Amino acid sequence: MIPSQLQSYCGGASRVEAEGVTIGAVFDDLDRRFPGLKFRVIDEQDRVRRHMRVFVGGEAACDMAAAIADGAELMIFGALSGG
């Protein structure tokens, strides 16, 4: 699942498919297909950026080396702000 603020990287899609055996590999696949998407979510030290959240199977995920099951759903959320 792609949050609205990143959908411009994916041609407006809110859901896309990706491949990879780890969370980091899934982001690498997404970045090959949608350049710039990974950088908006993952920093240069392979950490989830402070204003972003990643969930796999409903659980918060921050370890890019963590395995991801075939068919699992990875969801990306962006922080909302306002006053």
N, C-alpha and C. Protein backbone atom coordinates (compact mmCIF):
# COMPACT_ATOMS: atom_id res chain seq x y z
N MET A 1 0.85 -1.17 0.00
CA MET A 1 0.00 0.00 0.00
C MET A 1 0.90 1.24 0.00
N ILE A 2 0.59 2.16 -0.90
CA ILE A 2 1.39 3.37 -1.07
C ILE A 2 0.60 4.56 -0.52
N PRO A 3 1.17 5.35 0.39
CA PRO A 3 0.43 6.51 0.92
C PRO A 3 0.27 7.58 -0.16
N SER A 4 -0.73 8.40 0.00
CA SER A 4 -1.07 9.39 -1.03
C SER A 4 0.11 10.29 -1.38
N GLN A 5 0.95 10.65 -0.40
CA GLN A 5 2.05 11.56 -0.69
C GLN A 5 3.14 10.92 -1.54
N LEU A 6 3.11 9.60 -1.73
CA LEU A 6 4.11 8.92 -2.56
C LEU A 6 3.51 8.33 -3.84
N GLN A 7 2.23 8.47 -4.03
CA GLN A 7 1.60 7.86 -5.20
C GLN A 7 2.06 8.47 -6.51
N SER A 8 2.58 9.68 -6.49
CA SER A 8 3.08 10.29 -7.73
C SER A 8 4.29 9.52 -8.26
N TYR A 9 5.02 8.83 -7.38
CA TYR A 9 6.16 8.01 -7.81
C TYR A 9 5.70 6.74 -8.52
N CYS A 10 4.44 6.36 -8.29
CA CYS A 10 3.92 5.09 -8.80
C CYS A 10 2.83 5.32 -9.85
N GLY A 11 2.86 6.45 -10.50
CA GLY A 11 1.86 6.73 -11.52
C GLY A 11 0.47 6.85 -10.95
N GLY A 12 0.36 7.23 -9.67
CA GLY A 12 -0.95 7.41 -9.04
C GLY A 12 -1.51 6.18 -8.38
N ALA A 13 -0.79 5.06 -8.45
CA ALA A 13 -1.29 3.81 -7.87
C ALA A 13 -1.21 3.85 -6.34
N SER A 14 -2.25 3.33 -5.70
CA SER A 14 -2.24 3.23 -4.24
C SER A 14 -1.76 1.85 -3.78
N ARG A 15 -1.73 0.91 -4.71
CA ARG A 15 -1.24 -0.44 -4.42
C ARG A 15 -0.41 -0.92 -5.59
N VAL A 16 0.73 -1.50 -5.29
CA VAL A 16 1.59 -2.08 -6.32
C VAL A 16 2.13 -3.40 -5.79
N GLU A 17 2.62 -4.22 -6.69
CA GLU A 17 3.24 -5.48 -6.28
C GLU A 17 4.74 -5.34 -6.38
N ALA A 18 5.45 -6.04 -5.50
CA ALA A 18 6.91 -6.01 -5.50
C ALA A 18 7.41 -7.38 -5.08
N GLU A 19 8.68 -7.64 -5.40
CA GLU A 19 9.29 -8.91 -5.05
C GLU A 19 10.47 -8.68 -4.13
N GLY A 20 10.77 -9.70 -3.32
CA GLY A 20 11.93 -9.65 -2.44
C GLY A 20 11.74 -10.58 -1.27
N VAL A 21 12.84 -11.13 -0.77
CA VAL A 21 12.76 -12.05 0.36
C VAL A 21 12.97 -11.33 1.70
N THR A 22 13.43 -10.06 1.62
CA THR A 22 13.54 -9.24 2.82
C THR A 22 12.80 -7.92 2.57
N ILE A 23 12.55 -7.20 3.64
CA ILE A 23 11.88 -5.90 3.47
C ILE A 23 12.75 -4.98 2.62
N GLY A 24 14.06 -5.00 2.86
CA GLY A 24 14.96 -4.17 2.07
C GLY A 24 14.94 -4.54 0.59
N ALA A 25 14.85 -5.83 0.30
CA ALA A 25 14.79 -6.28 -1.10
C ALA A 25 13.49 -5.82 -1.76
N VAL A 26 12.42 -5.81 -1.01
CA VAL A 26 11.15 -5.31 -1.56
C VAL A 26 11.29 -3.83 -1.90
N PHE A 27 11.92 -3.06 -1.00
CA PHE A 27 12.12 -1.63 -1.30
C PHE A 27 13.06 -1.44 -2.48
N ASP A 28 14.08 -2.30 -2.61
CA ASP A 28 14.97 -2.21 -3.77
C ASP A 28 14.19 -2.46 -5.05
N ASP A 29 13.31 -3.46 -5.04
CA ASP A 29 12.49 -3.75 -6.22
C ASP A 29 11.57 -2.57 -6.52
N LEU A 30 10.96 -2.02 -5.48
CA LEU A 30 10.09 -0.85 -5.69
C LEU A 30 10.88 0.30 -6.29
N ASP A 31 12.12 0.50 -5.81
CA ASP A 31 12.91 1.63 -6.29
C ASP A 31 13.36 1.42 -7.74
N ARG A 32 13.60 0.17 -8.15
CA ARG A 32 13.94 -0.09 -9.55
C ARG A 32 12.76 0.29 -10.45
N ARG A 33 11.57 -0.02 -9.98
CA ARG A 33 10.38 0.22 -10.81
C ARG A 33 9.84 1.64 -10.65
N PHE A 34 10.05 2.21 -9.47
CA PHE A 34 9.52 3.55 -9.18
C PHE A 34 10.64 4.38 -8.54
N PRO A 35 11.59 4.86 -9.37
CA PRO A 35 12.77 5.57 -8.83
C PRO A 35 12.40 6.71 -7.88
N GLY A 36 13.11 6.74 -6.76
CA GLY A 36 12.92 7.79 -5.77
C GLY A 36 12.00 7.40 -4.63
N LEU A 37 11.20 6.36 -4.82
CA LEU A 37 10.24 5.95 -3.78
C LEU A 37 10.97 5.50 -2.52
N LYS A 38 11.97 4.64 -2.66
CA LYS A 38 12.69 4.12 -1.49
C LYS A 38 13.29 5.26 -0.67
N PHE A 39 13.92 6.22 -1.35
CA PHE A 39 14.59 7.31 -0.63
C PHE A 39 13.61 8.12 0.21
N ARG A 40 12.37 8.18 -0.20
CA ARG A 40 11.36 8.93 0.56
C ARG A 40 10.93 8.18 1.83
N VAL A 41 11.23 6.88 1.89
CA VAL A 41 10.79 6.06 3.03
C VAL A 41 11.98 5.61 3.88
N ILE A 42 13.10 5.26 3.23
CA ILE A 42 14.26 4.69 3.90
C ILE A 42 15.44 5.66 3.77
N ASP A 43 16.13 5.93 4.87
CA ASP A 43 17.25 6.87 4.79
C ASP A 43 18.54 6.17 4.34
N GLU A 44 19.64 6.93 4.33
CA GLU A 44 20.91 6.42 3.83
C GLU A 44 21.50 5.32 4.72
N GLN A 45 21.03 5.20 5.94
CA GLN A 45 21.50 4.15 6.86
C GLN A 45 20.52 2.97 6.92
N ASP A 46 19.67 2.86 5.93
CA ASP A 46 18.67 1.79 5.85
C ASP A 46 17.71 1.79 7.03
N ARG A 47 17.37 2.97 7.50
CA ARG A 47 16.37 3.10 8.57
C ARG A 47 15.13 3.76 8.00
N VAL A 48 13.99 3.37 8.55
CA VAL A 48 12.74 4.01 8.14
C VAL A 48 12.79 5.46 8.62
N ARG A 49 12.51 6.38 7.73
CA ARG A 49 12.54 7.80 8.09
C ARG A 49 11.54 8.10 9.20
N ARG A 50 11.85 9.12 9.98
CA ARG A 50 11.04 9.46 11.16
C ARG A 50 9.58 9.73 10.84
N HIS A 51 9.31 10.30 9.71
CA HIS A 51 7.93 10.66 9.37
C HIS A 51 7.20 9.55 8.60
N MET A 52 7.83 8.39 8.50
CA MET A 52 7.23 7.27 7.77
C MET A 52 7.09 6.06 8.69
N ARG A 53 6.17 5.18 8.36
CA ARG A 53 5.99 3.92 9.07
C ARG A 53 5.78 2.82 8.05
N VAL A 54 6.37 1.65 8.35
CA VAL A 54 6.24 0.49 7.48
C VAL A 54 5.66 -0.64 8.32
N PHE A 55 4.67 -1.33 7.78
CA PHE A 55 4.04 -2.45 8.46
C PHE A 55 4.04 -3.66 7.52
N VAL A 56 4.31 -4.82 8.10
CA VAL A 56 4.22 -6.07 7.35
C VAL A 56 3.31 -6.99 8.16
N GLY A 57 2.24 -7.43 7.54
CA GLY A 57 1.29 -8.29 8.24
C GLY A 57 0.71 -7.62 9.49
N GLY A 58 0.55 -6.32 9.46
CA GLY A 58 -0.02 -5.59 10.58
C GLY A 58 0.96 -5.26 11.69
N GLU A 59 2.20 -5.70 11.56
CA GLU A 59 3.23 -5.42 12.58
C GLU A 59 4.20 -4.36 12.07
N ALA A 60 4.56 -3.43 12.95
CA ALA A 60 5.54 -2.41 12.58
C ALA A 60 6.85 -3.09 12.19
N ALA A 61 7.46 -2.60 11.13
CA ALA A 61 8.71 -3.17 10.64
C ALA A 61 9.73 -2.07 10.47
N CYS A 62 10.91 -2.26 11.01
CA CYS A 62 11.96 -1.26 10.85
C CYS A 62 13.30 -1.90 10.46
N ASP A 63 13.39 -3.23 10.48
CA ASP A 63 14.61 -3.94 10.13
C ASP A 63 14.55 -4.33 8.65
N MET A 64 15.37 -3.68 7.85
CA MET A 64 15.34 -3.94 6.41
C MET A 64 15.83 -5.34 6.07
N ALA A 65 16.55 -5.99 7.00
CA ALA A 65 17.05 -7.35 6.76
C ALA A 65 16.03 -8.42 7.13
N ALA A 66 14.91 -8.00 7.73
CA ALA A 66 13.89 -8.96 8.15
C ALA A 66 13.26 -9.64 6.94
N ALA A 67 13.03 -10.93 7.09
CA ALA A 67 12.41 -11.71 6.01
C ALA A 67 10.95 -11.30 5.85
N ILE A 68 10.49 -11.42 4.62
CA ILE A 68 9.09 -11.14 4.34
C ILE A 68 8.54 -12.35 3.58
N ALA A 69 7.41 -12.84 4.02
CA ALA A 69 6.83 -14.05 3.42
C ALA A 69 6.26 -13.74 2.03
N ASP A 70 6.32 -14.73 1.17
CA ASP A 70 5.73 -14.60 -0.15
C ASP A 70 4.24 -14.29 0.00
N GLY A 71 3.79 -13.28 -0.65
CA GLY A 71 2.38 -12.90 -0.60
C GLY A 71 2.02 -11.97 0.55
N ALA A 72 2.99 -11.65 1.41
CA ALA A 72 2.72 -10.74 2.52
C ALA A 72 2.44 -9.34 2.00
N GLU A 73 1.68 -8.58 2.77
CA GLU A 73 1.37 -7.21 2.40
C GLU A 73 2.24 -6.26 3.20
N LEU A 74 2.98 -5.42 2.48
CA LEU A 74 3.80 -4.38 3.11
C LEU A 74 3.06 -3.06 2.91
N MET A 75 2.83 -2.36 4.00
CA MET A 75 2.10 -1.10 3.94
C MET A 75 3.02 0.03 4.38
N ILE A 76 2.97 1.12 3.65
CA ILE A 76 3.76 2.31 3.96
C ILE A 76 2.78 3.41 4.37
N PHE A 77 3.06 4.03 5.49
CA PHE A 77 2.23 5.14 5.96
C PHE A 77 3.11 6.37 6.17
N GLY A 78 2.57 7.50 5.82
CA GLY A 78 3.25 8.76 6.07
C GLY A 78 2.56 9.50 7.19
N ALA A 79 3.37 10.24 7.95
CA ALA A 79 2.82 11.01 9.06
C ALA A 79 1.96 12.15 8.53
N LEU A 80 0.93 12.48 9.25
CA LEU A 80 0.08 13.61 8.93
C LEU A 80 0.40 14.72 9.91
N SER A 81 0.33 15.92 9.45
CA SER A 81 0.54 17.04 10.37
C SER A 81 -0.45 18.14 10.02
N GLY A 82 -0.57 19.02 10.90
CA GLY A 82 -1.48 20.13 10.68
C GLY A 82 -1.86 20.75 12.01
N GLY A 83 -2.67 21.70 11.97
CA GLY A 83 -3.03 22.35 13.23
C GLY A 83 -4.47 22.70 13.29
